[in-house]
Amino acid sequence: MSEVRFNRAPYTVTYYKDGEKKTLRRVPPPKLHDAVPDDIVSLNRGKNADFKAGDEFTVKSINPRQPNVLQLINDDGVSTFADYYDVNLEEMRGARDGIEPIDLPINNKYLLWP
């Protein structure tokens, strides 16, 4: 997946209400968690039969305008949305700024002694 940039640059939303054009200036909230796409997370609270508490899921995507809502995908390809406070980061697999992929724990298991 491509890397997601989390900047807080303002953006404008334009809509029509009662035939009048309205424009709002919005700023995305700060990102309050460490997860990025391709990471493995577990749920604190279950959502339904496909997404039970304690199960592990892959982060499919994070919307830059709503960075505290994660889209999770299970092994069957079914996805759902979860707030950042409903998940625990289990394993860092996604690309991060300033961290080389070889430095991630998943990629250097061969260096560990049994």
C-alpha atoms as a PDB file:
ATOM      1  CA  MET A   1       0.000   0.000   0.000  1.00  0.00           C
ATOM      2  CA  SER A   2       1.021   3.563  -0.440  1.00  0.00           C
ATOM      3  CA  GLU A   3       2.140   5.529   2.553  1.00  0.00           C
ATOM      4  CA  VAL A   4      -0.458   7.825   4.095  1.00  0.00           C
ATOM      5  CA  ARG A   5       0.589  11.372   4.944  1.00  0.00           C
ATOM      6  CA  PHE A   6      -0.988  12.863   8.048  1.00  0.00           C
ATOM      7  CA  ASN A   7      -0.695  16.600   7.720  1.00  0.00           C
ATOM      8  CA  ARG A   8      -3.114  19.014   9.288  1.00  0.00           C
ATOM      9  CA  ALA A   9      -3.383  21.370   6.338  1.00  0.00           C
ATOM     10  CA  PRO A  10      -6.747  23.158   6.242  1.00  0.00           C
ATOM     11  CA  TYR A  11      -9.162  22.296   3.470  1.00  0.00           C
ATOM     12  CA  THR A  12     -12.460  23.760   2.327  1.00  0.00           C
ATOM     13  CA  VAL A  13     -15.837  22.075   1.988  1.00  0.00           C
ATOM     14  CA  THR A  14     -18.384  23.609  -0.346  1.00  0.00           C
ATOM     15  CA  TYR A  15     -22.062  22.697  -0.280  1.00  0.00           C
ATOM     16  CA  TYR A  16     -25.452  24.152  -1.184  1.00  0.00           C
ATOM     17  CA  LYS A  17     -28.168  24.796   1.393  1.00  0.00           C
ATOM     18  CA  ASP A  18     -31.522  26.293   0.383  1.00  0.00           C
ATOM     19  CA  GLY A  19     -30.047  27.231  -2.987  1.00  0.00           C
ATOM     20  CA  GLU A  20     -27.218  29.192  -1.395  1.00  0.00           C
ATOM     21  CA  LYS A  21     -23.606  28.152  -1.801  1.00  0.00           C
ATOM     22  CA  LYS A  22     -21.793  27.763   1.541  1.00  0.00           C
ATOM     23  CA  THR A  23     -18.097  27.201   2.158  1.00  0.00           C
ATOM     24  CA  LEU A  24     -16.494  25.932   5.366  1.00  0.00           C
ATOM     25  CA  ARG A  25     -12.826  25.808   6.311  1.00  0.00           C
ATOM     26  CA  ARG A  26     -11.898  22.641   8.192  1.00  0.00           C
ATOM     27  CA  VAL A  27      -8.711  21.341   9.802  1.00  0.00           C
ATOM     28  CA  PRO A  28      -8.176  17.588  10.330  1.00  0.00           C
ATOM     29  CA  PRO A  29      -7.761  16.541  13.986  1.00  0.00           C
ATOM     30  CA  PRO A  30      -4.343  15.391  15.210  1.00  0.00           C
ATOM     31  CA  LYS A  31      -3.556  11.677  14.877  1.00  0.00           C
ATOM     32  CA  LEU A  32      -3.717  10.165  18.384  1.00  0.00           C
ATOM     33  CA  HIS A  33      -2.396   6.641  17.726  1.00  0.00           C
ATOM     34  CA  ASP A  34       0.663   4.900  16.253  1.00  0.00           C
ATOM     35  CA  ALA A  35      -1.041   2.558  13.760  1.00  0.00           C
ATOM     36  CA  VAL A  36      -0.506   2.905  10.012  1.00  0.00           C
ATOM     37  CA  PRO A  37      -1.848   0.808   7.091  1.00  0.00           C
ATOM     38  CA  ASP A  38      -0.635  -2.827   7.040  1.00  0.00           C
ATOM     39  CA  ASP A  39      -0.163  -2.946  10.844  1.00  0.00           C
ATOM     40  CA  ILE A  40      -1.756  -5.687  12.940  1.00  0.00           C
ATOM     41  CA  VAL A  41      -4.183  -4.535  15.663  1.00  0.00           C
ATOM     42  CA  SER A  42      -6.559  -6.250  18.086  1.00  0.00           C
ATOM     43  CA  LEU A  43     -10.000  -5.055  19.147  1.00  0.00           C
ATOM     44  CA  ASN A  44     -10.788  -4.074  22.752  1.00  0.00           C
ATOM     45  CA  ARG A  45     -14.530  -4.284  22.169  1.00  0.00           C
ATOM     46  CA  GLY A  46     -16.253  -6.595  19.742  1.00  0.00           C
ATOM     47  CA  LYS A  47     -18.342  -5.105  16.950  1.00  0.00           C
ATOM     48  CA  ASN A  48     -20.171  -8.158  15.578  1.00  0.00           C
ATOM     49  CA  ALA A  49     -19.674 -11.869  14.844  1.00  0.00           C
ATOM     50  CA  ASP A  50     -16.932 -11.131  12.287  1.00  0.00           C
ATOM     51  CA  PHE A  51     -15.036  -8.673  14.490  1.00  0.00           C
ATOM     52  CA  LYS A  52     -14.827 -10.083  18.023  1.00  0.00           C
ATOM     53  CA  ALA A  53     -12.930  -8.613  20.957  1.00  0.00           C
ATOM     54  CA  GLY A  54      -9.352  -9.898  21.213  1.00  0.00           C
ATOM     55  CA  ASP A  55      -9.093 -10.978  17.570  1.00  0.00           C
ATOM     56  CA  GLU A  56      -6.319  -9.551  15.394  1.00  0.00           C
ATOM     57  CA  PHE A  57      -6.963  -7.623  12.174  1.00  0.00           C
ATOM     58  CA  THR A  58      -4.972  -5.780   9.532  1.00  0.00           C
ATOM     59  CA  VAL A  59      -5.341  -2.009   9.151  1.00  0.00           C
ATOM     60  CA  LYS A  60      -6.524  -1.547   5.575  1.00  0.00           C
ATOM     61  CA  SER A  61      -6.514   2.248   5.423  1.00  0.00           C
ATOM     62  CA  ILE A  62      -6.734   5.476   7.380  1.00  0.00           C
ATOM     63  CA  ASN A  63      -8.442   8.535   5.935  1.00  0.00           C
ATOM     64  CA  PRO A  64      -6.144  11.579   6.220  1.00  0.00           C
ATOM     65  CA  ARG A  65      -9.120  13.817   7.026  1.00  0.00           C
ATOM     66  CA  GLN A  66     -10.292  11.482   9.824  1.00  0.00           C
ATOM     67  CA  PRO A  67      -7.005   9.953  11.058  1.00  0.00           C
ATOM     68  CA  ASN A  68      -8.438   8.523  14.286  1.00  0.00           C
ATOM     69  CA  VAL A  69     -10.794   6.121  12.488  1.00  0.00           C
ATOM     70  CA  LEU A  70      -9.156   2.949  11.151  1.00  0.00           C
ATOM     71  CA  GLN A  71     -10.536   0.646   8.486  1.00  0.00           C
ATOM     72  CA  LEU A  72      -9.864  -2.943   9.582  1.00  0.00           C
ATOM     73  CA  ILE A  73      -9.960  -6.054   7.416  1.00  0.00           C
ATOM     74  CA  ASN A  74     -10.231  -9.666   8.589  1.00  0.00           C
ATOM     75  CA  ASP A  75      -8.876 -12.846   6.984  1.00  0.00           C
ATOM     76  CA  ASP A  76     -12.030 -13.273   4.873  1.00  0.00           C
ATOM     77  CA  GLY A  77     -11.666  -9.823   3.284  1.00  0.00           C
ATOM     78  CA  VAL A  78     -14.536  -8.276   5.245  1.00  0.00           C
ATOM     79  CA  SER A  79     -13.839  -4.769   6.513  1.00  0.00           C
ATOM     80  CA  THR A  80     -15.212  -2.434   9.171  1.00  0.00           C
ATOM     81  CA  PHE A  81     -14.348   0.876  10.774  1.00  0.00           C
ATOM     82  CA  ALA A  82     -13.118   1.271  14.361  1.00  0.00           C
ATOM     83  CA  ASP A  83     -12.083   4.210  16.509  1.00  0.00           C
ATOM     84  CA  TYR A  84      -8.463   4.373  17.641  1.00  0.00           C
ATOM     85  CA  TYR A  85      -9.387   3.817  21.302  1.00  0.00           C
ATOM     86  CA  ASP A  86     -11.071   0.491  20.434  1.00  0.00           C
ATOM     87  CA  VAL A  87      -7.845  -1.062  19.083  1.00  0.00           C
ATOM     88  CA  ASN A  88      -4.435  -2.073  20.439  1.00  0.00           C
ATOM     89  CA  LEU A  89      -1.380  -2.031  18.200  1.00  0.00           C
ATOM     90  CA  GLU A  90       0.007  -5.584  18.186  1.00  0.00           C
ATOM     91  CA  GLU A  91       2.580  -5.566  15.393  1.00  0.00           C
ATOM     92  CA  MET A  92       4.144  -2.771  13.330  1.00  0.00           C
ATOM     93  CA  ARG A  93       4.350  -3.858   9.675  1.00  0.00           C
ATOM     94  CA  GLY A  94       3.518  -0.677   7.776  1.00  0.00           C
ATOM     95  CA  ALA A  95       5.963   1.859   6.340  1.00  0.00           C
ATOM     96  CA  ARG A  96       6.834   4.687   8.719  1.00  0.00           C
ATOM     97  CA  ASP A  97       8.716   7.918   8.235  1.00  0.00           C
ATOM     98  CA  GLY A  98      12.280   7.667   9.527  1.00  0.00           C
ATOM     99  CA  ILE A  99      12.174   3.878  10.071  1.00  0.00           C
ATOM    100  CA  GLU A 100      13.657   1.553   7.484  1.00  0.00           C
ATOM    101  CA  PRO A 101      11.668  -1.642   6.775  1.00  0.00           C
ATOM    102  CA  ILE A 102      14.672  -3.783   7.767  1.00  0.00           C
ATOM    103  CA  ASP A 103      14.564  -2.257  11.267  1.00  0.00           C
ATOM    104  CA  LEU A 104      11.042  -3.521  11.966  1.00  0.00           C
ATOM    105  CA  PRO A 105      10.949  -6.506  14.362  1.00  0.00           C
ATOM    106  CA  ILE A 106       9.115  -8.694  11.837  1.00  0.00           C
ATOM    107  CA  ASN A 107      11.995  -8.391   9.358  1.00  0.00           C
ATOM    108  CA  ASN A 108      14.907  -9.292  11.638  1.00  0.00           C
ATOM    109  CA  LYS A 109      13.655 -12.382  13.457  1.00  0.00           C
ATOM    110  CA  TYR A 110      16.590 -14.344  12.038  1.00  0.00           C
ATOM    111  CA  LEU A 111      18.910 -12.275  14.268  1.00  0.00           C
ATOM    112  CA  LEU A 112      17.262 -13.525  17.462  1.00  0.00           C
ATOM    113  CA  TRP A 113      18.699 -16.553  19.230  1.00  0.00           C
ATOM    114  CA  PRO A 114      16.293 -19.333  20.157  1.00  0.00           C
END
